[in-house]
Protein backbone atom coordinates (compact mmCIF):
# COMPACT_ATOMS: atom_id res chain seq x y z
CA MET A 1 -33.12 88.05 -86.52
CA ARG A 2 -30.95 91.08 -87.19
CA SER A 3 -28.54 90.98 -90.11
CA LYS A 4 -25.09 92.48 -89.65
CA THR A 5 -24.45 92.73 -93.38
CA LEU A 6 -24.54 96.29 -94.68
CA LEU A 7 -26.69 97.01 -97.70
CA GLY A 8 -24.65 97.47 -100.85
CA ALA A 9 -24.63 100.51 -103.08
CA GLY A 10 -26.72 98.68 -105.70
CA MET A 11 -29.55 98.02 -103.25
CA ALA A 12 -29.41 101.59 -101.97
CA LEU A 13 -29.61 102.98 -105.49
CA ALA A 14 -32.48 100.67 -106.41
CA SER A 15 -34.38 101.72 -103.30
CA LEU A 16 -33.78 105.38 -104.07
CA LEU A 17 -35.21 104.92 -107.55
CA LEU A 18 -38.22 103.08 -106.20
CA SER A 19 -38.99 105.75 -103.65
CA GLY A 20 -38.57 108.65 -106.04
CA CYS A 21 -36.60 110.83 -103.66
CA ALA A 22 -35.76 109.10 -100.39
CA PRO A 23 -34.08 111.22 -97.70
CA MET A 24 -30.50 110.27 -96.85
CA THR A 25 -29.30 109.84 -93.26
CA LYS A 26 -26.15 111.83 -92.50
CA VAL A 27 -24.02 110.00 -89.95
CA LYS A 28 -22.78 113.32 -88.56
CA ASP A 29 -26.35 114.29 -87.65
CA VAL A 30 -26.96 110.94 -85.94
CA MET A 31 -23.78 111.24 -83.85
CA ALA A 32 -24.81 114.73 -82.70
CA ASP A 33 -27.84 113.35 -80.81
CA LYS A 34 -28.09 109.56 -80.84
CA GLN A 35 -31.16 109.20 -78.63
CA ALA A 36 -33.07 111.82 -80.63
CA PHE A 37 -32.34 109.85 -83.81
CA MET A 38 -33.47 106.65 -82.09
CA ASP A 39 -36.72 108.16 -80.84
CA ALA A 40 -37.50 109.77 -84.19
CA ASN A 41 -37.00 106.60 -86.24
CA PHE A 42 -37.29 103.48 -84.08
CA SER A 43 -40.64 103.45 -82.32
CA ALA A 44 -43.84 101.48 -82.90
CA ASP A 45 -45.43 104.27 -84.93
CA LYS A 46 -42.58 104.02 -87.46
CA LEU A 47 -43.47 100.39 -88.30
CA PRO A 48 -46.17 99.26 -90.73
CA LYS A 49 -49.46 99.09 -88.84
CA GLY A 50 -49.98 95.45 -89.74
CA VAL A 51 -46.66 94.49 -88.12
CA VAL A 52 -47.55 96.25 -84.87
CA GLN A 53 -51.02 94.70 -84.84
CA ALA A 54 -49.68 91.18 -85.44
CA ILE A 55 -47.29 91.47 -82.49
CA GLY A 56 -49.74 93.21 -80.17
CA SER A 57 -52.53 90.72 -80.73
CA ALA A 58 -50.24 87.69 -80.27
CA ASP A 59 -48.13 88.90 -77.33
CA ARG A 60 -49.89 91.04 -74.73
CA GLY A 61 -47.05 90.71 -72.22
CA SER A 62 -44.65 93.44 -71.18
CA LEU A 63 -40.94 93.84 -70.46
CA GLY A 64 -39.49 93.66 -66.96
CA PHE A 65 -37.24 96.70 -67.18
CA HIS A 66 -37.14 100.37 -68.13
CA LYS A 67 -33.56 100.46 -69.41
CA MET A 68 -30.67 97.99 -69.48
CA VAL A 69 -27.09 98.70 -70.51
CA PHE A 70 -24.83 95.73 -71.24
CA HIS A 71 -21.07 95.94 -71.69
CA LEU A 72 -19.80 92.98 -73.71
CA VAL A 73 -16.57 91.72 -75.19
CA TRP A 74 -16.91 89.91 -78.52
CA GLN A 75 -14.34 87.51 -79.91
CA VAL A 76 -15.06 87.86 -83.63
CA ASN A 77 -14.10 84.91 -85.87
CA ASP A 78 -12.93 82.91 -82.86
CA ASP A 79 -13.14 79.74 -84.95
CA ASP A 80 -9.98 80.89 -86.77
CA LYS A 81 -7.28 82.27 -84.47
CA ASN A 82 -5.53 83.86 -87.45
CA LYS A 83 -8.57 86.07 -88.02
CA THR A 84 -9.82 86.60 -84.45
CA VAL A 85 -10.30 90.19 -83.31
CA THR A 86 -11.68 91.56 -80.04
CA ILE A 87 -14.55 94.04 -80.12
CA GLN A 88 -15.93 95.96 -77.15
CA GLN A 89 -19.68 96.52 -77.38
CA VAL A 90 -22.15 98.61 -75.39
CA ALA A 91 -25.72 97.40 -75.92
CA THR A 92 -28.42 99.75 -74.62
CA PHE A 93 -31.98 98.38 -74.38
CA ASN A 94 -34.92 100.73 -73.80
CA ASN A 95 -38.49 99.60 -73.10
CA ALA A 96 -40.45 100.77 -76.15
CA GLY A 97 -43.84 99.61 -74.88
CA GLY A 98 -45.43 96.18 -74.83
CA SER A 99 -42.90 93.60 -76.04
CA LEU A 100 -40.91 96.06 -78.19
CA VAL A 101 -37.31 97.02 -77.43
CA GLN A 102 -35.29 99.99 -78.66
CA GLU A 103 -31.66 98.88 -79.06
CA ARG A 104 -28.44 100.75 -79.75
CA MET A 105 -25.26 98.74 -80.29
CA GLU A 106 -21.96 100.63 -80.15
CA ASP A 107 -18.87 98.69 -81.27
CA GLN A 108 -15.30 99.77 -80.49
CA ARG A 109 -11.89 98.28 -81.08
CA ASN A 110 -8.89 99.42 -79.06
CA GLY A 111 -11.05 102.21 -77.66
CA VAL A 112 -11.87 103.57 -81.13
CA PRO A 113 -15.56 103.71 -82.18
CA MET A 114 -16.30 101.72 -85.34
CA VAL A 115 -19.93 100.87 -85.98
CA GLU A 116 -23.31 101.64 -84.47
CA MET A 117 -26.61 99.86 -85.01
CA TYR A 118 -30.03 101.25 -84.16
CA GLU A 119 -32.92 98.81 -83.88
CA LEU A 120 -36.49 98.24 -82.83
CA SER A 121 -36.94 94.56 -82.01
CA TYR A 122 -39.40 92.03 -80.68
CA ARG A 123 -37.99 91.06 -77.25
CA GLY A 124 -34.41 91.60 -78.39
CA PHE A 125 -34.09 88.72 -80.89
CA LEU A 126 -36.33 89.53 -83.87
CA GLY A 127 -35.27 92.75 -85.59
CA LEU A 128 -38.32 94.66 -86.83
CA LYS A 129 -36.41 97.70 -88.07
CA TYR A 130 -32.66 98.29 -87.93
CA GLN A 131 -29.98 100.53 -89.39
CA THR A 132 -26.23 99.99 -89.21
CA MET A 133 -23.69 102.70 -89.87
CA ASN A 134 -19.93 103.14 -89.95
CA VAL A 135 -19.23 106.13 -87.69
CA GLY A 136 -16.59 107.38 -90.15
CA ALA A 137 -18.93 107.39 -93.15
CA ALA A 138 -20.78 110.42 -94.47
CA ILE A 139 -24.08 108.69 -95.32
CA ALA A 140 -25.71 105.71 -93.62
CA PRO A 141 -27.34 102.85 -95.55
CA PHE A 142 -31.12 102.79 -95.53
CA ALA A 143 -32.84 101.19 -92.56
CA TYR A 144 -34.18 97.67 -93.13
CA GLU A 145 -37.59 96.66 -91.81
CA ILE A 146 -40.23 93.96 -91.76
CA LYS A 147 -43.16 95.05 -93.94
CA SER A 148 -45.64 92.31 -93.03
CA PHE A 149 -45.90 88.99 -91.20
CA GLN A 150 -47.26 85.82 -92.73
CA HIS A 151 -46.65 83.92 -89.48
CA PHE A 152 -45.74 85.14 -85.98
CA ASP A 153 -45.27 83.07 -82.80
CA PRO A 154 -45.25 84.88 -79.44
CA VAL A 155 -42.80 83.95 -76.70
CA GLY A 156 -45.53 84.11 -74.04
CA GLN A 157 -45.19 84.73 -70.34
CA SER A 158 -42.54 82.03 -69.96
CA ALA A 159 -40.20 80.28 -72.36
CA PRO A 160 -42.17 77.50 -74.12
CA SER A 161 -40.83 74.11 -75.09
CA ALA A 162 -42.20 74.42 -78.60
CA GLY A 163 -40.30 76.20 -81.35
CA LEU A 164 -40.98 79.68 -82.68
CA ASP A 165 -41.53 80.52 -86.35
CA TYR A 166 -41.51 83.93 -88.06
CA GLN A 167 -42.33 84.35 -91.74
CA TYR A 168 -42.35 87.81 -93.26
CA GLU A 169 -41.66 90.18 -96.12
CA ALA A 170 -38.96 92.80 -95.61
CA GLY A 171 -37.12 95.58 -97.39
CA THR A 172 -35.49 98.93 -96.88
CA SER A 173 -37.47 101.78 -95.38
CA ALA A 174 -37.47 103.39 -98.86
CA GLN A 175 -39.06 100.40 -100.63
CA PHE A 176 -42.74 100.05 -101.42
CA MET A 177 -42.51 96.96 -103.67
CA ASN A 178 -40.30 93.95 -104.55
CA PHE A 179 -39.86 92.93 -100.91
CA ARG A 180 -37.64 90.04 -99.78
CA THR A 181 -39.27 86.94 -98.31
CA GLY A 182 -37.67 85.89 -95.04
CA ARG A 183 -38.04 83.35 -92.28
CA ASP A 184 -36.55 82.89 -88.82
CA THR A 185 -37.02 79.86 -86.59
CA CYS A 186 -36.03 79.62 -82.92
CA ARG A 187 -36.08 76.97 -80.21
CA PHE A 188 -35.37 77.12 -76.50
CA GLY A 189 -32.48 75.12 -75.05
CA ALA A 190 -30.72 74.85 -71.71
CA THR A 191 -31.91 76.71 -68.60
CA TYR A 192 -29.53 78.15 -65.99
CA PRO A 193 -29.26 81.03 -63.48
CA ALA A 194 -28.92 84.47 -65.04
CA SER A 195 -26.11 85.14 -62.56
CA LYS A 196 -23.96 82.81 -64.69
CA ILE A 197 -23.93 85.57 -67.32
CA SER A 198 -23.61 88.45 -64.84
CA ALA A 199 -23.97 88.84 -61.08
CA GLN A 200 -26.18 91.88 -61.75
CA LEU A 201 -28.87 89.74 -63.40
CA ALA A 202 -31.67 87.98 -61.50
CA GLY A 203 -33.85 85.03 -62.40
CA THR A 204 -33.18 82.36 -64.99
CA VAL A 205 -31.95 82.23 -68.57
CA HIS A 206 -33.09 80.06 -71.46
CA ASP A 207 -30.72 79.59 -74.38
CA LEU A 208 -32.58 80.63 -77.53
CA GLU A 209 -31.18 79.12 -80.73
CA CYS A 210 -32.28 80.90 -83.91
CA VAL A 211 -31.71 80.36 -87.62
CA ASP A 212 -32.27 82.95 -90.36
CA TYR A 213 -33.22 81.74 -93.86
CA ASN A 214 -32.88 83.65 -97.10
CA GLY A 215 -35.60 84.07 -99.71
CA ASN A 216 -34.75 80.67 -101.20
CA GLY A 217 -35.30 78.92 -97.87
CA VAL A 218 -31.56 78.33 -97.39
CA LYS A 219 -29.87 78.91 -94.03
CA ALA A 220 -28.15 82.32 -94.06
CA HIS A 221 -26.80 82.46 -90.51
CA ALA A 222 -27.53 81.35 -86.95
CA ALA A 223 -27.37 82.92 -83.50
CA ARG A 224 -27.72 81.99 -79.86
CA TYR A 225 -29.37 84.40 -77.45
CA ALA A 226 -29.62 84.41 -73.68
CA TYR A 227 -33.34 84.89 -73.05
CA LEU A 228 -33.64 86.59 -69.66
CA ASP A 229 -36.93 85.34 -68.24
CA LYS A 230 -37.29 87.99 -65.52
CA TYR A 231 -36.83 90.83 -68.00
CA GLY A 232 -38.55 89.31 -71.05
CA VAL A 233 -35.70 90.13 -73.40
CA ALA A 234 -32.94 88.26 -75.27
CA LEU A 235 -29.25 89.18 -75.51
CA SER A 236 -27.13 88.01 -78.45
CA MET A 237 -24.20 85.87 -77.24
CA HIS A 238 -23.12 83.78 -80.25
CA THR A 239 -23.31 84.15 -84.05
CA GLU A 240 -22.49 81.82 -86.92
CA TYR A 241 -21.88 83.17 -90.43
CA ALA A 242 -20.12 81.59 -93.40
CA ALA A 243 -17.30 84.08 -92.77
CA GLY A 244 -16.83 83.00 -89.15
CA ILE A 245 -18.17 82.25 -85.68
CA SER A 246 -18.20 84.83 -82.88
CA ASP A 247 -18.87 84.71 -79.13
CA ALA A 248 -19.57 87.32 -76.46
CA ARG A 249 -19.24 87.59 -72.69
CA VAL A 250 -20.87 90.18 -70.46
CA THR A 251 -18.54 92.32 -68.34
CA SER A 252 -21.16 94.50 -66.63
CA VAL A 253 -24.89 95.35 -66.61
CA VAL A 254 -26.80 98.40 -65.39
CA ILE A 255 -30.56 97.96 -64.94
CA GLU A 256 -33.16 100.68 -64.43
């Protein structure tokens, strides 16, 4: 599951020391050609080979789309009306081959761009490599990625009744040691027509409830995704952090 917490300066410095001389990502360069940055950094060949092999051998299915663009409105911290803010988000999903999805999330408030996240995921809900950046910053934090899997459950051709379990080691793209141990678990819930989310969507949806655990095995945060059966991909619709709960609704979808 993706984390929306930016890496702190201490982690970035530690990673830089570990890597010897890690290249820094200039936000200005990313903004000049977003898709070029995505293609250069978020494809299967940029992941550890063992990660790609684990996914490919477990899930031989494919995605049911070439490109999908979702426009969403997020009510952030809607559990506390004194803190609630509205964020407009454009989520672009590109078929990256097999069950892998290239994702770009662009967040705006009052029409002003704020944050962008670039990601390569497993079917939209398990972040394999991701990088979040403030569009007003000079330098972006390092990308974060899964280095190896200790356990990986495939979704399969249709949503199963059993739960899903992902156990892995992860760290920044600059790290080569001292990785963090992580675990995500997911289970499928209610089923309903995809048209309930948007008239542009066909088929059915399964709610996918996921929990992310930290290295001590303690719950860090939770999320609910809409798993779109026809397209083989999940869309984040609800998040729960200690700081607050947030919910999204889809305003439009373009499918290619």
